[in-house]
Structure formats: C-alpha cells, structure tokens
Amino acid sequence: VKGRFTISRDNAKNMVYLQMNSLKPEDTAVYYCAASS
C-alpha cells in the first residue's frame, strides 16, 4: 500500500483516518482501526 495509503490523526477530534488512493481489486477487505495504550 506504500505510496497509495496515508494514515493520519486528529487528537482534538479523537479521530484516526486512512486515505486510500489508486485502489486496486486486491485492496478489497474489511478494514479495522486499532489503538494501543
């Protein structure tokens, strides 16, 4: 996914994002976010 996906966060909004560009059929999946304490 390098060069196509971008992870980011907005701590003020308590949100995480994943921007996915140039998507391919092999990207088809269930996507999960996760956090570590």
Full PDB file with SEQRES, HELIX, SHEET, SSBOND, CRYST1, ORIGX, SCALE, CONECT and MASTER records, all heavy atoms in Angstrom:
SEQRES   1 A   37  VAL LYS GLY ARG PHE THR ILE SER ARG ASP ASN ALA LYS          
SEQRES   2 A   37  ASN MET VAL TYR LEU GLN MET ASN SER LEU LYS PRO GLU          
SEQRES   3 A   37  ASP THR ALA VAL TYR TYR CYS ALA ALA SER SER                  
HELIX    1 AA1 PRO A   25  ASP A   27  5                                   3    
SHEET    1 AA1 2 PHE A   5  ASP A  10  0                                        
SHEET    2 AA1 2 MET A  15  MET A  20 -1                                        
CRYST1    1.000    1.000    1.000  90.00  90.00  90.00 P 1           1          
ORIGX1      1.000000  0.000000  0.000000        0.00000                         
ORIGX2      0.000000  1.000000  0.000000        0.00000                         
ORIGX3      0.000000  0.000000  1.000000        0.00000                         
SCALE1      1.000000  0.000000  0.000000        0.00000                         
SCALE2      0.000000  1.000000  0.000000        0.00000                         
SCALE3      0.000000  0.000000  1.000000        0.00000                         
ATOM      1  N   VAL A   1       0.803  -1.215   0.000  1.00  0.00           N  
ATOM      2  CA  VAL A   1       0.000   0.000   0.000  1.00  0.00           C  
ATOM      3  C   VAL A   1       0.836   1.265   0.000  1.00  0.00           C  
ATOM      4  O   VAL A   1       0.281   2.370  -0.103  1.00  0.00           O  
ATOM      5  CB  VAL A   1      -0.972   0.033   1.201  1.00  0.00           C  
ATOM      6  CG1 VAL A   1      -1.815  -1.232   1.240  1.00  0.00           C  
ATOM      7  CG2 VAL A   1      -0.209   0.207   2.510  1.00  0.00           C  
ATOM      8  N   LYS A   2       2.144   1.141   0.103  1.00  0.00           N  
ATOM      9  CA  LYS A   2       3.023   2.302   0.182  1.00  0.00           C  
ATOM     10  C   LYS A   2       2.848   3.207  -1.037  1.00  0.00           C  
ATOM     11  O   LYS A   2       2.835   2.744  -2.176  1.00  0.00           O  
ATOM     12  CB  LYS A   2       4.473   1.844   0.298  1.00  0.00           C  
ATOM     13  CG  LYS A   2       5.467   2.951   0.630  1.00  0.00           C  
ATOM     14  CD  LYS A   2       6.873   2.386   0.805  1.00  0.00           C  
ATOM     15  CE  LYS A   2       6.936   1.380   1.937  1.00  0.00           C  
ATOM     16  NZ  LYS A   2       8.312   0.847   2.143  1.00  0.00           N  
ATOM     17  N   GLY A   3       2.716   4.494  -0.782  1.00  0.00           N  
ATOM     18  CA  GLY A   3       2.512   5.461  -1.842  1.00  0.00           C  
ATOM     19  C   GLY A   3       1.066   5.664  -2.219  1.00  0.00           C  
ATOM     20  O   GLY A   3       0.753   6.605  -2.960  1.00  0.00           O  
ATOM     21  N   ARG A   4       0.171   4.808  -1.742  1.00  0.00           N  
ATOM     22  CA  ARG A   4      -1.249   4.907  -2.049  1.00  0.00           C  
ATOM     23  C   ARG A   4      -2.105   5.227  -0.832  1.00  0.00           C  
ATOM     24  O   ARG A   4      -3.125   5.898  -0.959  1.00  0.00           O  
ATOM     25  CB  ARG A   4      -1.751   3.613  -2.693  1.00  0.00           C  
ATOM     26  CG  ARG A   4      -1.031   3.248  -3.992  1.00  0.00           C  
ATOM     27  CD  ARG A   4      -1.695   2.062  -4.686  1.00  0.00           C  
ATOM     28  NE  ARG A   4      -1.644   0.849  -3.880  1.00  0.00           N  
ATOM     29  CZ  ARG A   4      -2.717   0.211  -3.407  1.00  0.00           C  
ATOM     30  NH1 ARG A   4      -3.940   0.675  -3.674  1.00  0.00           N  
ATOM     31  NH2 ARG A   4      -2.582  -0.896  -2.688  1.00  0.00           N  
ATOM     32  N   PHE A   5      -1.707   4.735   0.338  1.00  0.00           N  
ATOM     33  CA  PHE A   5      -2.465   4.938   1.569  1.00  0.00           C  
ATOM     34  C   PHE A   5      -1.751   5.943   2.464  1.00  0.00           C  
ATOM     35  O   PHE A   5      -0.512   5.996   2.498  1.00  0.00           O  
ATOM     36  CB  PHE A   5      -2.618   3.627   2.346  1.00  0.00           C  
ATOM     37  CG  PHE A   5      -3.547   2.620   1.715  1.00  0.00           C  
ATOM     38  CD1 PHE A   5      -4.000   2.760   0.414  1.00  0.00           C  
ATOM     39  CD2 PHE A   5      -3.962   1.521   2.443  1.00  0.00           C  
ATOM     40  CE1 PHE A   5      -4.849   1.829  -0.165  1.00  0.00           C  
ATOM     41  CE2 PHE A   5      -4.809   0.584   1.888  1.00  0.00           C  
ATOM     42  CZ  PHE A   5      -5.255   0.729   0.586  1.00  0.00           C  
ATOM     43  N   THR A   6      -2.521   6.716   3.223  1.00  0.00           N  
ATOM     44  CA  THR A   6      -1.966   7.686   4.156  1.00  0.00           C  
ATOM     45  C   THR A   6      -2.736   7.635   5.469  1.00  0.00           C  
ATOM     46  O   THR A   6      -3.955   7.800   5.481  1.00  0.00           O  
ATOM     47  CB  THR A   6      -2.021   9.116   3.597  1.00  0.00           C  
ATOM     48  OG1 THR A   6      -1.331   9.184   2.345  1.00  0.00           O  
ATOM     49  CG2 THR A   6      -1.365  10.093   4.572  1.00  0.00           C  
ATOM     50  N   ILE A   7      -2.011   7.407   6.564  1.00  0.00           N  
ATOM     51  CA  ILE A   7      -2.617   7.409   7.887  1.00  0.00           C  
ATOM     52  C   ILE A   7      -2.445   8.787   8.518  1.00  0.00           C  
ATOM     53  O   ILE A   7      -1.428   9.453   8.304  1.00  0.00           O  
ATOM     54  CB  ILE A   7      -1.996   6.309   8.786  1.00  0.00           C  
ATOM     55  CG1 ILE A   7      -2.768   6.166  10.098  1.00  0.00           C  
ATOM     56  CG2 ILE A   7      -0.525   6.589   9.056  1.00  0.00           C  
ATOM     57  CD1 ILE A   7      -2.309   4.979  10.945  1.00  0.00           C  
ATOM     58  N   SER A   8      -3.421   9.219   9.269  1.00  0.00           N  
ATOM     59  CA  SER A   8      -3.333  10.489   9.970  1.00  0.00           C  
ATOM     60  C   SER A   8      -4.237  10.456  11.187  1.00  0.00           C  
ATOM     61  O   SER A   8      -5.074   9.566  11.328  1.00  0.00           O  
ATOM     62  CB  SER A   8      -3.703  11.662   9.056  1.00  0.00           C  
ATOM     63  OG  SER A   8      -5.048  11.562   8.617  1.00  0.00           O  
ATOM     64  N   ARG A   9      -4.061  11.417  12.058  1.00  0.00           N  
ATOM     65  CA  ARG A   9      -4.917  11.517  13.235  1.00  0.00           C  
ATOM     66  C   ARG A   9      -5.211  12.976  13.557  1.00  0.00           C  
ATOM     67  O   ARG A   9      -4.455  13.879  13.200  1.00  0.00           O  
ATOM     68  CB  ARG A   9      -4.285  10.826  14.451  1.00  0.00           C  
ATOM     69  CG  ARG A   9      -3.117  11.589  15.049  1.00  0.00           C  
ATOM     70  CD  ARG A   9      -2.845  11.117  16.472  1.00  0.00           C  
ATOM     71  NE  ARG A   9      -1.828  10.078  16.515  1.00  0.00           N  
ATOM     72  CZ  ARG A   9      -1.765   9.135  17.465  1.00  0.00           C  
ATOM     73  NH1 ARG A   9      -2.681   9.083  18.411  1.00  0.00           N  
ATOM     74  NH2 ARG A   9      -0.787   8.254  17.433  1.00  0.00           N  
ATOM     75  N   ASP A  10      -6.315  13.185  14.237  1.00  0.00           N  
ATOM     76  CA  ASP A  10      -6.687  14.489  14.753  1.00  0.00           C  
ATOM     77  C   ASP A  10      -7.034  14.277  16.217  1.00  0.00           C  
ATOM     78  O   ASP A  10      -8.143  13.874  16.551  1.00  0.00           O  
ATOM     79  CB  ASP A  10      -7.868  15.072  13.981  1.00  0.00           C  
ATOM     80  CG  ASP A  10      -8.180  16.503  14.378  1.00  0.00           C  
ATOM     81  OD1 ASP A  10      -7.850  16.912  15.510  1.00  0.00           O  
ATOM     82  OD2 ASP A  10      -8.761  17.229  13.551  1.00  0.00           O  
ATOM     83  N   ASN A  11      -6.063  14.519  17.088  1.00  0.00           N  
ATOM     84  CA  ASN A  11      -6.267  14.259  18.508  1.00  0.00           C  
ATOM     85  C   ASN A  11      -7.366  15.133  19.107  1.00  0.00           C  
ATOM     86  O   ASN A  11      -8.069  14.710  20.018  1.00  0.00           O  
ATOM     87  CB  ASN A  11      -4.960  14.461  19.283  1.00  0.00           C  
ATOM     88  CG  ASN A  11      -3.949  13.369  19.016  1.00  0.00           C  
ATOM     89  OD1 ASN A  11      -4.304  12.251  18.639  1.00  0.00           O  
ATOM     90  ND2 ASN A  11      -2.676  13.679  19.219  1.00  0.00           N  
ATOM     91  N   ALA A  12      -7.508  16.350  18.605  1.00  0.00           N  
ATOM     92  CA  ALA A  12      -8.545  17.238  19.111  1.00  0.00           C  
ATOM     93  C   ALA A  12      -9.935  16.668  18.864  1.00  0.00           C  
ATOM     94  O   ALA A  12     -10.848  16.872  19.658  1.00  0.00           O  
ATOM     95  CB  ALA A  12      -8.414  18.618  18.486  1.00  0.00           C  
ATOM     96  N   LYS A  13     -10.097  15.964  17.748  1.00  0.00           N  
ATOM     97  CA  LYS A  13     -11.370  15.342  17.408  1.00  0.00           C  
ATOM     98  C   LYS A  13     -11.442  13.886  17.848  1.00  0.00           C  
ATOM     99  O   LYS A  13     -12.488  13.253  17.688  1.00  0.00           O  
ATOM    100  CB  LYS A  13     -11.621  15.425  15.907  1.00  0.00           C  
ATOM    101  CG  LYS A  13     -11.779  16.846  15.378  1.00  0.00           C  
ATOM    102  CD  LYS A  13     -12.050  16.844  13.882  1.00  0.00           C  
ATOM    103  CE  LYS A  13     -12.236  18.253  13.357  1.00  0.00           C  
ATOM    104  NZ  LYS A  13     -12.489  18.264  11.894  1.00  0.00           N  
ATOM    105  N   ASN A  14     -10.337  13.360  18.385  1.00  0.00           N  
ATOM    106  CA  ASN A  14     -10.261  11.971  18.817  1.00  0.00           C  
ATOM    107  C   ASN A  14     -10.573  11.019  17.656  1.00  0.00           C  
ATOM    108  O   ASN A  14     -11.312  10.039  17.812  1.00  0.00           O  
ATOM    109  CB  ASN A  14     -11.219  11.703  19.981  1.00  0.00           C  
ATOM    110  CG  ASN A  14     -10.598  10.830  21.063  1.00  0.00           C  
ATOM    111  OD1 ASN A  14      -9.386  10.838  21.263  1.00  0.00           O  
ATOM    112  ND2 ASN A  14     -11.432  10.081  21.764  1.00  0.00           N  
ATOM    113  N   MET A  15      -9.980  11.317  16.498  1.00  0.00           N  
ATOM    114  CA  MET A  15     -10.249  10.532  15.300  1.00  0.00           C  
ATOM    115  C   MET A  15      -8.969  10.132  14.582  1.00  0.00           C  
ATOM    116  O   MET A  15      -7.936  10.798  14.690  1.00  0.00           O  
ATOM    117  CB  MET A  15     -11.146  11.311  14.336  1.00  0.00           C  
ATOM    118  CG  MET A  15     -12.533  11.587  14.877  1.00  0.00           C  
ATOM    119  SD  MET A  15     -13.624  12.370  13.666  1.00  0.00           S  
ATOM    120  CE  MET A  15     -13.864  11.008  12.512  1.00  0.00           C  
ATOM    121  N   VAL A  16      -9.057   9.026  13.863  1.00  0.00           N  
ATOM    122  CA  VAL A  16      -7.986   8.495  13.033  1.00  0.00           C  
ATOM    123  C   VAL A  16      -8.528   8.349  11.617  1.00  0.00           C  
ATOM    124  O   VAL A  16      -9.704   8.023  11.427  1.00  0.00           O  
ATOM    125  CB  VAL A  16      -7.489   7.134  13.552  1.00  0.00           C  
ATOM    126  CG1 VAL A  16      -6.338   6.619  12.704  1.00  0.00           C  
ATOM    127  CG2 VAL A  16      -7.071   7.241  15.011  1.00  0.00           C  
ATOM    128  N   TYR A  17      -7.666   8.554  10.622  1.00  0.00           N  
ATOM    129  CA  TYR A  17      -8.090   8.484   9.236  1.00  0.00           C  
ATOM    130  C   TYR A  17      -7.152   7.599   8.426  1.00  0.00           C  
ATOM    131  O   TYR A  17      -5.973   7.456   8.737  1.00  0.00           O  
ATOM    132  CB  TYR A  17      -8.120   9.874   8.598  1.00  0.00           C  
ATOM    133  CG  TYR A  17      -8.934  10.878   9.366  1.00  0.00           C  
ATOM    134  CD1 TYR A  17      -8.323  11.765  10.244  1.00  0.00           C  
ATOM    135  CD2 TYR A  17     -10.314  10.939   9.220  1.00  0.00           C  
ATOM    136  CE1 TYR A  17      -9.063  12.692  10.956  1.00  0.00           C  
ATOM    137  CE2 TYR A  17     -11.065  11.859   9.928  1.00  0.00           C  
ATOM    138  CZ  TYR A  17     -10.435  12.730  10.788  1.00  0.00           C  
ATOM    139  OH  TYR A  17     -11.186  13.645  11.493  1.00  0.00           O  
ATOM    140  N   LEU A  18      -7.699   7.022   7.365  1.00  0.00           N  
ATOM    141  CA  LEU A  18      -6.902   6.313   6.378  1.00  0.00           C  
ATOM    142  C   LEU A  18      -7.375   6.752   5.000  1.00  0.00           C  
ATOM    143  O   LEU A  18      -8.475   6.391   4.576  1.00  0.00           O  
ATOM    144  CB  LEU A  18      -7.027   4.795   6.523  1.00  0.00           C  
ATOM    145  CG  LEU A  18      -6.143   3.976   5.578  1.00  0.00           C  
ATOM    146  CD1 LEU A  18      -4.670   4.133   5.953  1.00  0.00           C  
ATOM    147  CD2 LEU A  18      -6.540   2.502   5.599  1.00  0.00           C  
ATOM    148  N   GLN A  19      -6.560   7.544   4.326  1.00  0.00           N  
ATOM    149  CA  GLN A  19      -6.846   7.956   2.965  1.00  0.00           C  
ATOM    150  C   GLN A  19      -6.301   6.902   2.018  1.00  0.00           C  
ATOM    151  O   GLN A  19      -5.111   6.578   2.073  1.00  0.00           O  
ATOM    152  CB  GLN A  19      -6.216   9.314   2.661  1.00  0.00           C  
ATOM    153  CG  GLN A  19      -6.443   9.810   1.237  1.00  0.00           C  
ATOM    154  CD  GLN A  19      -7.886  10.148   0.955  1.00  0.00           C  
ATOM    155  OE1 GLN A  19      -8.536  10.797   1.765  1.00  0.00           O  
ATOM    156  NE2 GLN A  19      -8.390   9.710  -0.189  1.00  0.00           N  
ATOM    157  N   MET A  20      -7.150   6.371   1.143  1.00  0.00           N  
ATOM    158  CA  MET A  20      -6.773   5.316   0.222  1.00  0.00           C  
ATOM    159  C   MET A  20      -6.985   5.807  -1.201  1.00  0.00           C  
ATOM    160  O   MET A  20      -8.111   6.109  -1.601  1.00  0.00           O  
ATOM    161  CB  MET A  20      -7.586   4.050   0.480  1.00  0.00           C  
ATOM    162  CG  MET A  20      -7.499   3.542   1.913  1.00  0.00           C  
ATOM    163  SD  MET A  20      -8.354   1.965   2.149  1.00  0.00           S  
ATOM    164  CE  MET A  20     -10.047   2.477   1.836  1.00  0.00           C  
ATOM    165  N   ASN A  21      -5.911   5.880  -1.963  1.00  0.00           N  
ATOM    166  CA  ASN A  21      -5.951   6.323  -3.349  1.00  0.00           C  
ATOM    167  C   ASN A  21      -5.496   5.204  -4.277  1.00  0.00           C  
ATOM    168  O   ASN A  21      -4.866   4.245  -3.855  1.00  0.00           O  
ATOM    169  CB  ASN A  21      -5.053   7.548  -3.546  1.00  0.00           C  
ATOM    170  CG  ASN A  21      -5.469   8.735  -2.713  1.00  0.00           C  
ATOM    171  OD1 ASN A  21      -6.654   8.959  -2.478  1.00  0.00           O  
ATOM    172  ND2 ASN A  21      -4.493   9.522  -2.276  1.00  0.00           N  
ATOM    173  N   SER A  22      -5.804   5.353  -5.554  1.00  0.00           N  
ATOM    174  CA  SER A  22      -5.407   4.376  -6.572  1.00  0.00           C  
ATOM    175  C   SER A  22      -5.754   2.960  -6.145  1.00  0.00           C  
ATOM    176  O   SER A  22      -4.933   2.044  -6.220  1.00  0.00           O  
ATOM    177  CB  SER A  22      -3.903   4.502  -6.861  1.00  0.00           C  
ATOM    178  OG  SER A  22      -3.575   5.802  -7.306  1.00  0.00           O  
ATOM    179  N   LEU A  23      -6.974   2.776  -5.709  1.00  0.00           N  
ATOM    180  CA  LEU A  23      -7.390   1.489  -5.161  1.00  0.00           C  
ATOM    181  C   LEU A  23      -7.391   0.394  -6.213  1.00  0.00           C  
ATOM    182  O   LEU A  23      -7.716   0.627  -7.382  1.00  0.00           O  
ATOM    183  CB  LEU A  23      -8.768   1.617  -4.525  1.00  0.00           C  
ATOM    184  CG  LEU A  23      -8.766   2.316  -3.163  1.00  0.00           C  
ATOM    185  CD1 LEU A  23     -10.162   2.774  -2.786  1.00  0.00           C  
ATOM    186  CD2 LEU A  23      -8.200   1.385  -2.092  1.00  0.00           C  
ATOM    187  N   LYS A  24      -7.030  -0.805  -5.765  1.00  0.00           N  
ATOM    188  CA  LYS A  24      -6.948  -1.985  -6.607  1.00  0.00           C  
ATOM    189  C   LYS A  24      -7.922  -3.043  -6.106  1.00  0.00           C  
ATOM    190  O   LYS A  24      -8.288  -3.043  -4.928  1.00  0.00           O  
ATOM    191  CB  LYS A  24      -5.527  -2.558  -6.577  1.00  0.00           C  
ATOM    192  CG  LYS A  24      -4.436  -1.573  -6.957  1.00  0.00           C  
ATOM    193  CD  LYS A  24      -3.062  -2.187  -6.762  1.00  0.00           C  
ATOM    194  CE  LYS A  24      -1.961  -1.213  -7.110  1.00  0.00           C  
ATOM    195  NZ  LYS A  24      -0.616  -1.811  -6.900  1.00  0.00           N  
ATOM    196  N   PRO A  25      -8.351  -3.970  -6.971  1.00  0.00           N  
ATOM    197  CA  PRO A  25      -9.246  -5.036  -6.510  1.00  0.00           C  
ATOM    198  C   PRO A  25      -8.694  -5.813  -5.320  1.00  0.00           C  
ATOM    199  O   PRO A  25      -9.472  -6.229  -4.450  1.00  0.00           O  
ATOM    200  CB  PRO A  25      -9.392  -5.929  -7.744  1.00  0.00           C  
ATOM    201  CG  PRO A  25      -9.227  -4.994  -8.889  1.00  0.00           C  
ATOM    202  CD  PRO A  25      -8.174  -4.013  -8.438  1.00  0.00           C  
ATOM    203  N   GLU A  26      -7.389  -5.997  -5.250  1.00  0.00           N  
ATOM    204  CA  GLU A  26      -6.789  -6.720  -4.143  1.00  0.00           C  
ATOM    205  C   GLU A  26      -6.838  -5.957  -2.823  1.00  0.00           C  
ATOM    206  O   GLU A  26      -6.493  -6.507  -1.774  1.00  0.00           O  
ATOM    207  CB  GLU A  26      -5.338  -7.125  -4.456  1.00  0.00           C  
ATOM    208  CG  GLU A  26      -4.466  -5.979  -4.936  1.00  0.00           C  
ATOM    209  CD  GLU A  26      -4.354  -5.924  -6.447  1.00  0.00           C  
ATOM    210  OE1 GLU A  26      -5.381  -6.103  -7.132  1.00  0.00           O  
ATOM    211  OE2 GLU A  26      -3.227  -5.711  -6.953  1.00  0.00           O  
ATOM    212  N   ASP A  27      -7.262  -4.700  -2.850  1.00  0.00           N  
ATOM    213  CA  ASP A  27      -7.477  -3.941  -1.618  1.00  0.00           C  
ATOM    214  C   ASP A  27      -8.817  -4.265  -0.970  1.00  0.00           C  
ATOM    215  O   ASP A  27      -9.083  -3.807   0.145  1.00  0.00           O  
ATOM    216  CB  ASP A  27      -7.402  -2.439  -1.888  1.00  0.00           C  
ATOM    217  CG  ASP A  27      -6.024  -1.984  -2.325  1.00  0.00           C  
ATOM    218  OD1 ASP A  27      -5.025  -2.473  -1.761  1.00  0.00           O  
ATOM    219  OD2 ASP A  27      -5.946  -1.126  -3.228  1.00  0.00           O  
ATOM    220  N   THR A  28      -9.657  -5.013  -1.658  1.00  0.00           N  
ATOM    221  CA  THR A  28     -10.960  -5.383  -1.118  1.00  0.00           C  
ATOM    222  C   THR A  28     -10.792  -6.163   0.178  1.00  0.00           C  
ATOM    223  O   THR A  28     -10.099  -7.176   0.222  1.00  0.00           O  
ATOM    224  CB  THR A  28     -11.748  -6.216  -2.132  1.00  0.00           C  
ATOM    225  OG1 THR A  28     -12.018  -5.422  -3.294  1.00  0.00           O  
ATOM    226  CG2 THR A  28     -13.072  -6.686  -1.538  1.00  0.00           C  
ATOM    227  N   ALA A  29     -11.414  -5.685   1.244  1.00  0.00           N  
ATOM    228  CA  ALA A  29     -11.284  -6.309   2.553  1.00  0.00           C  
ATOM    229  C   ALA A  29     -12.161  -5.561   3.549  1.00  0.00           C  
ATOM    230  O   ALA A  29     -12.715  -4.501   3.244  1.00  0.00           O  
ATOM    231  CB  ALA A  29      -9.824  -6.283   3.029  1.00  0.00           C  
ATOM    232  N   VAL A  30     -12.275  -6.124   4.745  1.00  0.00           N  
ATOM    233  CA  VAL A  30     -12.820  -5.390   5.874  1.00  0.00           C  
ATOM    234  C   VAL A  30     -11.659  -4.678   6.554  1.00  0.00           C  
ATOM    235  O   VAL A  30     -10.651  -5.302   6.884  1.00  0.00           O  
ATOM    236  CB  VAL A  30     -13.545  -6.313   6.867  1.00  0.00           C  
ATOM    237  CG1 VAL A  30     -14.028  -5.519   8.076  1.00  0.00           C  
ATOM    238  CG2 VAL A  30     -14.720  -7.005   6.188  1.00  0.00           C  
ATOM    239  N   TYR A  31     -11.798  -3.391   6.768  1.00  0.00           N  
ATOM    240  CA  TYR A  31     -10.743  -2.585   7.353  1.00  0.00           C  
ATOM    241  C   TYR A  31     -11.069  -2.248   8.796  1.00  0.00           C  
ATOM    242  O   TYR A  31     -12.191  -1.856   9.119  1.00  0.00           O  
ATOM    243  CB  TYR A  31     -10.541  -1.298   6.542  1.00  0.00           C  
ATOM    244  CG  TYR A  31      -9.796  -1.530   5.254  1.00  0.00           C  
ATOM    245  CD1 TYR A  31     -10.403  -2.169   4.188  1.00  0.00           C  
ATOM    246  CD2 TYR A  31      -8.466  -1.123   5.106  1.00  0.00           C  
ATOM    247  CE1 TYR A  31      -9.717  -2.414   3.010  1.00  0.00           C  
ATOM    248  CE2 TYR A  31      -7.774  -1.354   3.929  1.00  0.00           C  
ATOM    249  CZ  TYR A  31      -8.399  -1.993   2.885  1.00  0.00           C  
ATOM    250  OH  TYR A  31      -7.706  -2.219   1.720  1.00  0.00           O  
ATOM    251  N   TYR A  32     -10.067  -2.389   9.663  1.00  0.00           N  
ATOM    252  CA  TYR A  32     -10.215  -2.161  11.094  1.00  0.00           C  
ATOM    253  C   TYR A  32      -9.212  -1.120  11.575  1.00  0.00           C  
ATOM    254  O   TYR A  32      -8.058  -1.132  11.156  1.00  0.00           O  
ATOM    255  CB  TYR A  32      -9.958  -3.447  11.885  1.00  0.00           C  
ATOM    256  CG  TYR A  32     -10.839  -4.620  11.532  1.00  0.00           C  
ATOM    257  CD1 TYR A  32     -10.503  -5.475  10.492  1.00  0.00           C  
ATOM    258  CD2 TYR A  32     -11.992  -4.874  12.254  1.00  0.00           C  
ATOM    259  CE1 TYR A  32     -11.300  -6.560  10.173  1.00  0.00           C  
ATOM    260  CE2 TYR A  32     -12.797  -5.954  11.946  1.00  0.00           C  
ATOM    261  CZ  TYR A  32     -12.442  -6.799  10.904  1.00  0.00           C  
ATOM    262  OH  TYR A  32     -13.233  -7.879  10.591  1.00  0.00           O  
ATOM    263  N   CYS A  33      -9.639  -0.253  12.467  1.00  0.00           N  
ATOM    264  CA  CYS A  33      -8.695   0.605  13.162  1.00  0.00           C  
ATOM    265  C   CYS A  33      -8.425   0.016  14.540  1.00  0.00           C  
ATOM    266  O   CYS A  33      -9.236  -0.725  15.095  1.00  0.00           O  
ATOM    267  CB  CYS A  33      -9.201   2.048  13.268  1.00  0.00           C  
ATOM    268  SG  CYS A  33     -10.661   2.289  14.294  1.00  0.00           S  
ATOM    269  N   ALA A  34      -7.259   0.338  15.084  1.00  0.00           N  
ATOM    270  CA  ALA A  34      -6.852  -0.201  16.372  1.00  0.00           C  
ATOM    271  C   ALA A  34      -6.003   0.819  17.111  1.00  0.00           C  
ATOM    272  O   ALA A  34      -5.368   1.682  16.500  1.00  0.00           O  
ATOM    273  CB  ALA A  34      -6.067  -1.502  16.186  1.00  0.00           C  
ATOM    274  N   ALA A  35      -5.983   0.711  18.432  1.00  0.00           N  
ATOM    275  CA  ALA A  35      -5.199   1.605  19.268  1.00  0.00           C  
ATOM    276  C   ALA A  35      -4.515   0.813  20.369  1.00  0.00           C  
ATOM    277  O   ALA A  35      -5.069  -0.162  20.882  1.00  0.00           O  
ATOM    278  CB  ALA A  35      -6.081   2.692  19.873  1.00  0.00           C  
ATOM    279  N   SER A  36      -3.308   1.245  20.728  1.00  0.00           N  
ATOM    280  CA  SER A  36      -2.537   0.619  21.793  1.00  0.00           C  
ATOM    281  C   SER A  36      -2.314   1.609  22.920  1.00  0.00           C  
ATOM    282  O   SER A  36      -1.914   2.750  22.679  1.00  0.00           O  
ATOM    283  CB  SER A  36      -1.193   0.128  21.265  1.00  0.00           C  
ATOM    284  OG  SER A  36      -0.365  -0.332  22.320  1.00  0.00           O  
ATOM    285  N   SER A  37      -2.542   1.167  24.145  1.00  0.00           N  
ATOM    286  CA  SER A  37      -2.343   2.036  25.303  1.00  0.00           C  
ATOM    287  C   SER A  37      -0.873   2.186  25.681  1.00  0.00           C  
ATOM    288  O   SER A  37      -0.539   3.032  26.501  1.00  0.00           O  
ATOM    289  CB  SER A  37      -3.123   1.500  26.504  1.00  0.00           C  
ATOM    290  OG  SER A  37      -2.690   0.206  26.856  1.00  0.00           O  
TER     291      SER A  37                                                      
MASTER        0    0    0    1    2    0    0    6  290    1    0    3          
END                                                                             
